[in-house]
C-alpha atoms as a PDB file:
ATOM      1  CA  MET A   1      -0.027  -0.522  -0.007  1.00  0.00           C
ATOM      2  CA  THR A   2       1.195   3.568  -0.814  1.00  0.00           C
ATOM      3  CA  ARG A   3       1.955   6.027   2.367  1.00  0.00           C
ATOM      4  CA  LEU A   4      -0.663   8.978   2.093  1.00  0.00           C
ATOM      5  CA  ARG A   5       1.319  12.022   2.170  1.00  0.00           C
ATOM      6  CA  ARG A   6       1.076  13.540   5.667  1.00  0.00           C
ATOM      7  CA  VAL A   7      -1.554  15.980   5.860  1.00  0.00           C
ATOM      8  CA  ARG A   8      -1.777  18.493   8.871  1.00  0.00           C
ATOM      9  CA  PRO A   9      -4.175  17.539  11.209  1.00  0.00           C
ATOM     10  CA  ALA A  10      -6.777  20.689  10.380  1.00  0.00           C
ATOM     11  CA  LEU A  11      -6.563  19.463   7.159  1.00  0.00           C
ATOM     12  CA  ILE A  12      -7.954  16.582   7.349  1.00  0.00           C
ATOM     13  CA  ALA A  13     -10.715  17.409  10.476  1.00  0.00           C
ATOM     14  CA  ALA A  14     -11.909  20.060   7.432  1.00  0.00           C
ATOM     15  CA  ALA A  15     -11.961  17.841   4.595  1.00  0.00           C
ATOM     16  CA  THR A  16     -14.360  15.736   6.685  1.00  0.00           C
ATOM     17  CA  LEU A  17     -16.845  18.659   7.587  1.00  0.00           C
ATOM     18  CA  PHE A  18     -16.196  19.447   4.024  1.00  0.00           C
ATOM     19  CA  ALA A  19     -17.184  16.645   1.698  1.00  0.00           C
ATOM     20  CA  ALA A  20     -20.247  16.395   4.690  1.00  0.00           C
ATOM     21  CA  ALA A  21     -21.296  19.949   3.536  1.00  0.00           C
ATOM     22  CA  SER A  22     -20.890  19.641  -0.450  1.00  0.00           C
ATOM     23  CA  ALA A  23     -23.691  18.043  -2.188  1.00  0.00           C
ATOM     24  CA  THR A  24     -24.234  20.946  -4.707  1.00  0.00           C
ATOM     25  CA  PRO A  25     -21.664  22.737  -7.561  1.00  0.00           C
ATOM     26  CA  ALA A  26     -21.548  25.492  -5.624  1.00  0.00           C
ATOM     27  CA  ALA A  27     -18.752  24.240  -3.339  1.00  0.00           C
ATOM     28  CA  ALA A  28     -16.044  26.586  -4.085  1.00  0.00           C
ATOM     29  CA  TYR A  29     -12.008  26.105  -3.758  1.00  0.00           C
ATOM     30  CA  TRP A  30     -11.182  26.095   0.087  1.00  0.00           C
ATOM     31  CA  GLU A  31      -9.847  29.433   0.964  1.00  0.00           C
ATOM     32  CA  TYR A  32      -6.061  28.200   0.513  1.00  0.00           C
ATOM     33  CA  GLY A  33      -7.331  28.210  -3.185  1.00  0.00           C
ATOM     34  CA  HIS A  34      -8.878  31.429  -3.238  1.00  0.00           C
ATOM     35  CA  GLN A  35      -6.385  33.371  -1.142  1.00  0.00           C
ATOM     36  CA  THR A  36      -3.282  32.181  -3.312  1.00  0.00           C
ATOM     37  CA  VAL A  37      -4.777  32.922  -6.024  1.00  0.00           C
ATOM     38  CA  ALA A  38      -5.438  36.676  -5.248  1.00  0.00           C
ATOM     39  CA  ARG A  39      -2.080  37.069  -3.076  1.00  0.00           C
ATOM     40  CA  ILE A  40      -0.470  36.017  -6.901  1.00  0.00           C
ATOM     41  CA  ALA A  41      -2.843  38.874  -8.469  1.00  0.00           C
ATOM     42  CA  GLU A  42      -1.795  41.109  -5.763  1.00  0.00           C
ATOM     43  CA  ALA A  43       1.622  40.740  -6.616  1.00  0.00           C
ATOM     44  CA  ASN A  44       1.502  41.501 -10.492  1.00  0.00           C
ATOM     45  CA  ILE A  45      -0.710  43.999 -10.530  1.00  0.00           C
ATOM     46  CA  ARG A  46      -0.111  47.803 -11.183  1.00  0.00           C
ATOM     47  CA  PRO A  47       0.331  49.560  -7.829  1.00  0.00           C
ATOM     48  CA  LYS A  48      -2.646  52.344  -9.650  1.00  0.00           C
ATOM     49  CA  THR A  49      -4.606  49.276  -9.680  1.00  0.00           C
ATOM     50  CA  ARG A  50      -3.126  47.727  -6.321  1.00  0.00           C
ATOM     51  CA  ALA A  51      -4.374  51.489  -4.664  1.00  0.00           C
ATOM     52  CA  ALA A  52      -7.425  51.354  -6.366  1.00  0.00           C
ATOM     53  CA  ILE A  53      -8.158  48.190  -4.791  1.00  0.00           C
ATOM     54  CA  HIS A  54      -7.091  49.248  -1.699  1.00  0.00           C
ATOM     55  CA  ARG A  55      -9.624  52.294  -1.352  1.00  0.00           C
ATOM     56  CA  LEU A  56     -12.094  49.926  -2.326  1.00  0.00           C
ATOM     57  CA  LEU A  57     -11.683  47.305   0.134  1.00  0.00           C
ATOM     58  CA  ALA A  58     -11.770  50.126   2.954  1.00  0.00           C
ATOM     59  CA  GLN A  59     -15.473  50.692   2.115  1.00  0.00           C
ATOM     60  CA  GLN A  60     -16.240  46.969   3.106  1.00  0.00           C
ATOM     61  CA  ALA A  61     -18.804  48.363   5.455  1.00  0.00           C
ATOM     62  CA  LEU A  62     -20.699  48.490   2.688  1.00  0.00           C
ATOM     63  CA  LEU A  63     -21.138  45.463   2.131  1.00  0.00           C
ATOM     64  CA  ASP A  64     -23.313  45.222   5.260  1.00  0.00           C
ATOM     65  CA  THR A  65     -21.493  41.541   5.858  1.00  0.00           C
ATOM     66  CA  PRO A  66     -19.997  42.322   9.467  1.00  0.00           C
ATOM     67  CA  THR A  67     -19.372  38.558  10.114  1.00  0.00           C
ATOM     68  CA  CYS A  68     -17.479  38.122   6.548  1.00  0.00           C
ATOM     69  CA  LYS A  69     -14.289  40.381   6.386  1.00  0.00           C
ATOM     70  CA  ALA A  70     -13.306  42.338   2.626  1.00  0.00           C
ATOM     71  CA  GLY A  71     -10.404  44.143   3.853  1.00  0.00           C
ATOM     72  CA  THR A  72      -7.775  42.355   1.869  1.00  0.00           C
ATOM     73  CA  MET A  73      -7.574  40.614  -1.120  1.00  0.00           C
ATOM     74  CA  ALA A  74      -6.586  37.980   0.612  1.00  0.00           C
ATOM     75  CA  ASP A  75     -10.137  38.321   2.518  1.00  0.00           C
ATOM     76  CA  ALA A  76     -12.099  39.441  -0.444  1.00  0.00           C
ATOM     77  CA  SER A  77     -11.302  35.816  -2.222  1.00  0.00           C
ATOM     78  CA  VAL A  78     -13.096  33.902   0.523  1.00  0.00           C
ATOM     79  CA  TRP A  79     -16.237  36.121   1.075  1.00  0.00           C
ATOM     80  CA  ALA A  80     -18.140  35.100  -1.714  1.00  0.00           C
ATOM     81  CA  ASP A  81     -18.764  31.522  -0.079  1.00  0.00           C
ATOM     82  CA  CYS A  82     -18.796  33.144   3.496  1.00  0.00           C
ATOM     83  CA  VAL A  83     -22.107  35.444   2.539  1.00  0.00           C
ATOM     84  CA  LYS A  84     -23.674  32.381   1.400  1.00  0.00           C
ATOM     85  CA  PRO A  85     -25.465  31.085   4.743  1.00  0.00           C
ATOM     86  CA  ILE A  86     -26.245  34.913   5.918  1.00  0.00           C
ATOM     87  CA  LYS A  87     -30.480  35.741   5.867  1.00  0.00           C
ATOM     88  CA  GLY A  88     -32.269  38.847   5.697  1.00  0.00           C
ATOM     89  CA  ALA A  89     -34.905  39.671   7.035  1.00  0.00           C
ATOM     90  CA  ASP A  90     -37.876  37.560   5.520  1.00  0.00           C
ATOM     91  CA  GLY A  91     -35.244  34.482   6.887  1.00  0.00           C
ATOM     92  CA  LYS A  92     -33.757  33.675   3.259  1.00  0.00           C
ATOM     93  CA  PRO A  93     -30.267  33.590   1.984  1.00  0.00           C
ATOM     94  CA  ARG A  94     -29.390  38.063   1.438  1.00  0.00           C
ATOM     95  CA  PHE A  95     -26.835  36.566  -1.468  1.00  0.00           C
ATOM     96  CA  GLY A  96     -29.163  33.615  -2.966  1.00  0.00           C
ATOM     97  CA  TYR A  97     -29.426  34.991  -5.776  1.00  0.00           C
ATOM     98  CA  ALA A  98     -25.357  34.356  -6.391  1.00  0.00           C
ATOM     99  CA  TYR A  99     -25.742  30.609  -6.408  1.00  0.00           C
ATOM    100  CA  THR A 100     -25.707  29.701  -9.820  1.00  0.00           C
ATOM    101  CA  TRP A 101     -22.593  32.329 -10.070  1.00  0.00           C
ATOM    102  CA  HIS A 102     -19.854  29.854  -8.755  1.00  0.00           C
ATOM    103  CA  PHE A 103     -19.786  27.565 -11.563  1.00  0.00           C
ATOM    104  CA  GLN A 104     -20.839  26.652 -14.864  1.00  0.00           C
ATOM    105  CA  ASP A 105     -22.399  23.447 -15.660  1.00  0.00           C
ATOM    106  CA  VAL A 106     -20.557  22.476 -19.064  1.00  0.00           C
ATOM    107  CA  ASN A 107     -20.501  18.878 -20.636  1.00  0.00           C
ATOM    108  CA  ILE A 108     -17.647  17.099 -20.578  1.00  0.00           C
ATOM    109  CA  CYS A 109     -19.114  14.660 -22.903  1.00  0.00           C
ATOM    110  CA  ARG A 110     -20.476  16.906 -25.199  1.00  0.00           C
ATOM    111  CA  PRO A 111     -19.183  19.720 -27.576  1.00  0.00           C
ATOM    112  CA  PHE A 112     -17.991  22.900 -25.365  1.00  0.00           C
ATOM    113  CA  SER A 113     -20.693  25.388 -24.897  1.00  0.00           C
ATOM    114  CA  LEU A 114     -21.592  27.779 -22.772  1.00  0.00           C
ATOM    115  CA  THR A 115     -24.604  28.907 -23.724  1.00  0.00           C
ATOM    116  CA  GLU A 116     -27.381  26.616 -22.098  1.00  0.00           C
ATOM    117  CA  ALA A 117     -24.954  26.681 -18.981  1.00  0.00           C
ATOM    118  CA  CYS A 118     -24.728  30.602 -19.226  1.00  0.00           C
ATOM    119  CA  LYS A 119     -28.154  31.132 -19.744  1.00  0.00           C
ATOM    120  CA  ASP A 120     -29.692  34.518 -18.413  1.00  0.00           C
ATOM    121  CA  GLY A 121     -26.087  35.013 -17.066  1.00  0.00           C
ATOM    122  CA  ASN A 122     -26.158  32.918 -14.525  1.00  0.00           C
ATOM    123  CA  CYS A 123     -22.561  31.250 -14.806  1.00  0.00           C
ATOM    124  CA  VAL A 124     -19.529  32.017 -13.891  1.00  0.00           C
ATOM    125  CA  SER A 125     -17.674  32.954 -16.545  1.00  0.00           C
ATOM    126  CA  ALA A 126     -20.615  35.650 -17.514  1.00  0.00           C
ATOM    127  CA  GLN A 127     -20.479  37.241 -13.953  1.00  0.00           C
ATOM    128  CA  ILE A 128     -16.905  37.556 -14.331  1.00  0.00           C
ATOM    129  CA  THR A 129     -17.134  39.644 -17.359  1.00  0.00           C
ATOM    130  CA  ARG A 130     -20.470  41.352 -15.489  1.00  0.00           C
ATOM    131  CA  ASP A 131     -17.976  42.224 -12.425  1.00  0.00           C
ATOM    132  CA  VAL A 132     -15.140  43.864 -14.896  1.00  0.00           C
ATOM    133  CA  ALA A 133     -17.723  46.019 -16.458  1.00  0.00           C
ATOM    134  CA  THR A 134     -19.069  47.244 -13.435  1.00  0.00           C
ATOM    135  CA  LEU A 135     -15.199  48.089 -11.906  1.00  0.00           C
ATOM    136  CA  LYS A 136     -15.060  50.167 -15.272  1.00  0.00           C
ATOM    137  CA  ASN A 137     -18.488  51.940 -15.475  1.00  0.00           C
ATOM    138  CA  ARG A 138     -17.503  55.140 -13.890  1.00  0.00           C
ATOM    139  CA  ARG A 139     -21.326  56.244 -12.889  1.00  0.00           C
ATOM    140  CA  ALA A 140     -21.516  52.653 -10.966  1.00  0.00           C
ATOM    141  CA  SER A 141     -21.958  53.505  -7.181  1.00  0.00           C
ATOM    142  CA  GLN A 142     -18.853  52.405  -4.630  1.00  0.00           C
ATOM    143  CA  LYS A 143     -20.709  49.679  -2.959  1.00  0.00           C
ATOM    144  CA  ASP A 144     -21.741  48.267  -6.474  1.00  0.00           C
ATOM    145  CA  LYS A 145     -18.190  48.145  -7.552  1.00  0.00           C
ATOM    146  CA  LEU A 146     -17.039  47.141  -3.718  1.00  0.00           C
ATOM    147  CA  GLU A 147     -19.724  43.535  -4.846  1.00  0.00           C
ATOM    148  CA  ALA A 148     -18.469  43.671  -8.252  1.00  0.00           C
ATOM    149  CA  LEU A 149     -14.607  43.718  -6.938  1.00  0.00           C
ATOM    150  CA  VAL A 150     -15.079  40.955  -3.901  1.00  0.00           C
ATOM    151  CA  PHE A 151     -17.356  39.009  -6.881  1.00  0.00           C
ATOM    152  CA  LEU A 152     -14.932  39.695  -9.071  1.00  0.00           C
ATOM    153  CA  ILE A 153     -11.354  38.149  -6.667  1.00  0.00           C
ATOM    154  CA  HIS A 154     -13.592  35.035  -5.780  1.00  0.00           C
ATOM    155  CA  PHE A 155     -15.012  34.396  -9.261  1.00  0.00           C
ATOM    156  CA  VAL A 156     -11.800  33.750 -11.005  1.00  0.00           C
ATOM    157  CA  GLY A 157     -10.693  31.657  -8.353  1.00  0.00           C
ATOM    158  CA  ASP A 158     -13.366  29.483  -9.061  1.00  0.00           C
ATOM    159  CA  LEU A 159     -13.152  28.763 -12.885  1.00  0.00           C
ATOM    160  CA  HIS A 160      -9.776  27.799 -12.473  1.00  0.00           C
ATOM    161  CA  GLN A 161     -11.241  24.735 -10.269  1.00  0.00           C
ATOM    162  CA  PRO A 162     -11.635  22.633 -13.016  1.00  0.00           C
ATOM    163  CA  LEU A 163     -14.679  20.972 -11.516  1.00  0.00           C
ATOM    164  CA  HIS A 164     -16.094  24.423 -11.549  1.00  0.00           C
ATOM    165  CA  ALA A 165     -16.130  24.748 -15.674  1.00  0.00           C
ATOM    166  CA  GLY A 166     -16.501  20.792 -16.643  1.00  0.00           C
ATOM    167  CA  GLU A 167     -18.909  17.568 -15.473  1.00  0.00           C
ATOM    168  CA  LYS A 168     -20.923  15.334 -16.693  1.00  0.00           C
ATOM    169  CA  ASP A 169     -23.978  15.454 -14.973  1.00  0.00           C
ATOM    170  CA  ASP A 170     -22.743  15.021 -11.567  1.00  0.00           C
ATOM    171  CA  LYS A 171     -23.270  18.153  -9.915  1.00  0.00           C
ATOM    172  CA  GLY A 172     -19.556  18.729 -11.264  1.00  0.00           C
ATOM    173  CA  GLY A 173     -18.299  15.712  -8.540  1.00  0.00           C
ATOM    174  CA  ASN A 174     -19.832  16.049  -5.717  1.00  0.00           C
ATOM    175  CA  ASP A 175     -21.854  12.753  -6.861  1.00  0.00           C
ATOM    176  CA  VAL A 176     -18.332  11.128  -7.336  1.00  0.00           C
ATOM    177  CA  LYS A 177     -17.305   9.263  -3.993  1.00  0.00           C
ATOM    178  CA  ALA A 178     -13.802   9.420  -4.038  1.00  0.00           C
ATOM    179  CA  SER A 179     -10.636   8.226  -2.033  1.00  0.00           C
ATOM    180  CA  TYR A 180      -7.785   9.961  -1.258  1.00  0.00           C
ATOM    181  CA  ASP A 181      -5.057   7.152  -1.471  1.00  0.00           C
ATOM    182  CA  SER A 182      -5.751   5.709   1.425  1.00  0.00           C
ATOM    183  CA  TYR A 183      -7.567   8.983   3.285  1.00  0.00           C
ATOM    184  CA  ALA A 184     -11.408   7.672   2.109  1.00  0.00           C
ATOM    185  CA  PRO A 185     -14.204   8.948   4.573  1.00  0.00           C
ATOM    186  CA  PRO A 186     -17.954   8.374   3.349  1.00  0.00           C
ATOM    187  CA  ARG A 187     -18.986  11.274   1.857  1.00  0.00           C
ATOM    188  CA  LEU A 188     -14.988  12.573   0.668  1.00  0.00           C
ATOM    189  CA  ASN A 189     -15.930  13.686  -3.230  1.00  0.00           C
ATOM    190  CA  LEU A 190     -14.053  14.319  -6.264  1.00  0.00           C
ATOM    191  CA  HIS A 191     -14.781  18.011  -5.762  1.00  0.00           C
ATOM    192  CA  SER A 192     -14.310  18.224  -2.294  1.00  0.00           C
ATOM    193  CA  ILE A 193     -10.125  16.806  -3.315  1.00  0.00           C
ATOM    194  CA  TRP A 194     -10.039  19.304  -6.377  1.00  0.00           C
ATOM    195  CA  ASP A 195     -11.015  21.869  -3.696  1.00  0.00           C
ATOM    196  CA  GLY A 196      -9.271  21.268  -0.726  1.00  0.00           C
ATOM    197  CA  LEU A 197      -6.756  18.093  -0.557  1.00  0.00           C
ATOM    198  CA  LEU A 198      -5.334  18.562  -3.969  1.00  0.00           C
ATOM    199  CA  ALA A 199      -5.281  22.400  -3.757  1.00  0.00           C
ATOM    200  CA  GLU A 200      -3.348  22.453  -0.520  1.00  0.00           C
ATOM    201  CA  ARG A 201      -0.405  19.576  -1.988  1.00  0.00           C
ATOM    202  CA  ALA A 202       0.002  21.352  -4.886  1.00  0.00           C
ATOM    203  CA  ILE A 203       0.322  25.111  -3.595  1.00  0.00           C
ATOM    204  CA  THR A 204       2.852  23.587  -0.605  1.00  0.00           C
ATOM    205  CA  SER A 205       4.525  21.379  -3.531  1.00  0.00           C
ATOM    206  CA  GLY A 206       8.073  23.624  -4.548  1.00  0.00           C
ATOM    207  CA  PRO A 207       8.388  27.019  -4.949  1.00  0.00           C
ATOM    208  CA  SER A 208       5.823  29.864  -3.936  1.00  0.00           C
ATOM    209  CA  LEU A 209       3.261  30.135  -6.346  1.00  0.00           C
ATOM    210  CA  VAL A 210       2.995  33.831  -4.764  1.00  0.00           C
ATOM    211  CA  ARG A 211       6.046  36.018  -6.724  1.00  0.00           C
ATOM    212  CA  ARG A 212       6.228  38.603  -9.093  1.00  0.00           C
ATOM    213  CA  TYR A 213       5.946  37.285 -12.313  1.00  0.00           C
ATOM    214  CA  ALA A 214       8.310  37.874 -15.407  1.00  0.00           C
ATOM    215  CA  PRO A 215       6.484  39.762 -17.746  1.00  0.00           C
ATOM    216  CA  ALA A 216       6.577  37.369 -20.253  1.00  0.00           C
ATOM    217  CA  VAL A 217       5.282  34.773 -18.506  1.00  0.00           C
ATOM    218  CA  ARG A 218       2.043  36.952 -17.235  1.00  0.00           C
ATOM    219  CA  ALA A 219       1.565  37.627 -20.812  1.00  0.00           C
ATOM    220  CA  LYS A 220       1.654  33.857 -21.578  1.00  0.00           C
ATOM    221  CA  VAL A 221      -0.061  32.448 -18.948  1.00  0.00           C
ATOM    222  CA  ALA A 222      -2.805  35.556 -19.235  1.00  0.00           C
ATOM    223  CA  ALA A 223      -3.886  35.507 -22.679  1.00  0.00           C
ATOM    224  CA  GLY A 224      -7.117  34.931 -24.470  1.00  0.00           C
ATOM    225  CA  ASP A 225     -10.387  36.163 -22.587  1.00  0.00           C
ATOM    226  CA  VAL A 226     -12.827  34.535 -20.363  1.00  0.00           C
ATOM    227  CA  THR A 227     -14.197  32.083 -23.074  1.00  0.00           C
ATOM    228  CA  ASP A 228     -10.776  31.023 -24.199  1.00  0.00           C
ATOM    229  CA  TRP A 229     -10.301  30.517 -20.517  1.00  0.00           C
ATOM    230  CA  SER A 230     -13.314  28.748 -19.680  1.00  0.00           C
ATOM    231  CA  ARG A 231     -12.592  26.523 -22.387  1.00  0.00           C
ATOM    232  CA  GLU A 232      -9.591  25.662 -21.371  1.00  0.00           C
ATOM    233  CA  SER A 233     -11.040  24.561 -17.655  1.00  0.00           C
ATOM    234  CA  TRP A 234     -13.485  22.638 -19.161  1.00  0.00           C
ATOM    235  CA  GLN A 235     -10.704  21.040 -21.307  1.00  0.00           C
ATOM    236  CA  VAL A 236      -8.890  19.889 -18.384  1.00  0.00           C
ATOM    237  CA  ALA A 237     -11.333  18.467 -16.061  1.00  0.00           C
ATOM    238  CA  HIS A 238     -12.034  16.052 -19.405  1.00  0.00           C
ATOM    239  CA  ASP A 239      -8.301  15.767 -19.805  1.00  0.00           C
ATOM    240  CA  VAL A 240      -7.033  15.266 -16.739  1.00  0.00           C
ATOM    241  CA  THR A 241      -9.505  15.472 -13.219  1.00  0.00           C
ATOM    242  CA  TYR A 242     -12.049  12.525 -14.650  1.00  0.00           C
ATOM    243  CA  ALA A 243      -9.145  10.870 -17.385  1.00  0.00           C
ATOM    244  CA  SER A 244      -7.097  10.422 -13.902  1.00  0.00           C
ATOM    245  CA  VAL A 245      -9.869   8.488 -12.247  1.00  0.00           C
ATOM    246  CA  MET A 246     -11.465   6.774 -15.354  1.00  0.00           C
ATOM    247  CA  ALA A 247     -10.140   5.296 -18.616  1.00  0.00           C
ATOM    248  CA  ASP A 248     -12.489   6.587 -20.542  1.00  0.00           C
ATOM    249  CA  PRO A 249     -14.023  10.485 -18.677  1.00  0.00           C
ATOM    250  CA  CYS A 250     -16.989   9.430 -20.712  1.00  0.00           C
ATOM    251  CA  ALA A 251     -18.284   5.928 -19.517  1.00  0.00           C
ATOM    252  CA  PRO A 252     -20.193   5.105 -16.572  1.00  0.00           C
ATOM    253  CA  THR A 253     -19.334   7.043 -13.367  1.00  0.00           C
ATOM    254  CA  PRO A 254     -18.000   3.790 -10.778  1.00  0.00           C
ATOM    255  CA  ASP A 255     -19.131   3.764  -7.388  1.00  0.00           C
ATOM    256  CA  ARG A 256     -16.031   5.078  -5.960  1.00  0.00           C
ATOM    257  CA  VAL A 257     -13.036   6.833  -7.462  1.00  0.00           C
ATOM    258  CA  THR A 258      -9.351   6.321  -6.333  1.00  0.00           C
ATOM    259  CA  LEU A 259      -6.529   8.944  -6.500  1.00  0.00           C
ATOM    260  CA  ASP A 260      -3.486   6.693  -5.227  1.00  0.00           C
ATOM    261  CA  GLU A 261      -0.120   8.269  -5.190  1.00  0.00           C
ATOM    262  CA  ALA A 262       1.302   7.786  -8.430  1.00  0.00           C
ATOM    263  CA  THR A 263      -1.874  10.071  -9.684  1.00  0.00           C
ATOM    264  CA  ILE A 264      -1.714  12.395  -6.415  1.00  0.00           C
ATOM    265  CA  ALA A 265       1.737  12.777  -7.977  1.00  0.00           C
ATOM    266  CA  LYS A 266       1.006  13.464 -11.487  1.00  0.00           C
ATOM    267  CA  LEU A 267      -1.841  15.967 -10.592  1.00  0.00           C
ATOM    268  CA  VAL A 268      -0.213  18.240  -8.551  1.00  0.00           C
ATOM    269  CA  PRO A 269       1.557  19.974 -11.615  1.00  0.00           C
ATOM    270  CA  VAL A 270      -1.655  20.411 -13.018  1.00  0.00           C
ATOM    271  CA  ALA A 271      -3.195  21.794  -9.747  1.00  0.00           C
ATOM    272  CA  ARG A 272      -0.654  24.167  -9.200  1.00  0.00           C
ATOM    273  CA  LEU A 273      -0.684  25.255 -12.841  1.00  0.00           C
ATOM    274  CA  GLU A 274      -4.663  26.285 -12.657  1.00  0.00           C
ATOM    275  CA  VAL A 275      -3.825  27.851  -9.504  1.00  0.00           C
ATOM    276  CA  GLU A 276      -1.061  29.871 -10.773  1.00  0.00           C
ATOM    277  CA  ARG A 277      -3.459  31.067 -13.978  1.00  0.00           C
ATOM    278  CA  GLY A 278      -6.045  32.205 -12.127  1.00  0.00           C
ATOM    279  CA  GLY A 279      -3.831  34.204 -10.347  1.00  0.00           C
ATOM    280  CA  LEU A 280      -2.707  36.165 -13.552  1.00  0.00           C
ATOM    281  CA  ARG A 281      -5.373  35.937 -15.090  1.00  0.00           C
ATOM    282  CA  LEU A 282      -7.386  37.884 -12.152  1.00  0.00           C
ATOM    283  CA  ALA A 283      -4.160  40.485 -12.446  1.00  0.00           C
ATOM    284  CA  LYS A 284      -4.778  40.932 -16.516  1.00  0.00           C
ATOM    285  CA  LEU A 285      -8.132  41.776 -15.003  1.00  0.00           C
ATOM    286  CA  LEU A 286      -7.802  44.005 -12.290  1.00  0.00           C
ATOM    287  CA  ASP A 287      -5.668  46.092 -15.097  1.00  0.00           C
ATOM    288  CA  ALA A 288      -8.084  46.203 -17.187  1.00  0.00           C
ATOM    289  CA  ALA A 289     -11.022  47.470 -15.587  1.00  0.00           C
ATOM    290  CA  LEU A 290      -8.676  49.666 -12.387  1.00  0.00           C
ATOM    291  CA  GLY A 291      -5.265  50.099 -13.489  1.00  0.00           C
END
């Protein structure tokens, strides 16, 4: 039996809780993944952009979410998940309208198309485009700009978790029970592994991803637009995420899939690249909107 790489006890405990809670495709990158994407972006934006972001985040009180902070880019990166349980005076979720904005259900076994997945703009890529437009709009209120900023920082991270961009009628892998080598709590699933355990492994493997990248690297990674990035992430879901646990990604999914240690090691570079892509592309969008 291969030995499971040592995982911090707090992460193991969180993994169990997350797996139990992640019954829907809206479950997003753990804090670590989102915060790393935000920190990469912050290290690579223009000074003018950074100053504009700091001015907006200094007004976090406008969001009226005191239990969910957004004073820094790292805090803002998880705000959109933090506010999900907040209820209004009517007892309903205040931000329930944003539920479908965290993902797009594009089937990996059909030709790529955002038409159905983004009907009425209710998908992650459409909201990224909307948020950038709001930040560019000089007539938008400060509250609208602030909300667009915190959503944008989060959603670019979501788009680069492959199971938020491609799936096979299984709620983005939430319905696929999975084992992370020998770690196999009953409700752990493929989505939560990519959200958490694999993301943590990838981010902590090798040199820090949070650094100033060379201009040529930034230009290469951030080339294209939101549709291009959606297609790329969808392709990763097909070619890597599902293909790593099934010989034929489009065959019926087995009752349980296993990512053994050898498979995990092969996935680490892919997961690292997705985080890097998310950070540098977020920097590009922020510069375009505020720089």
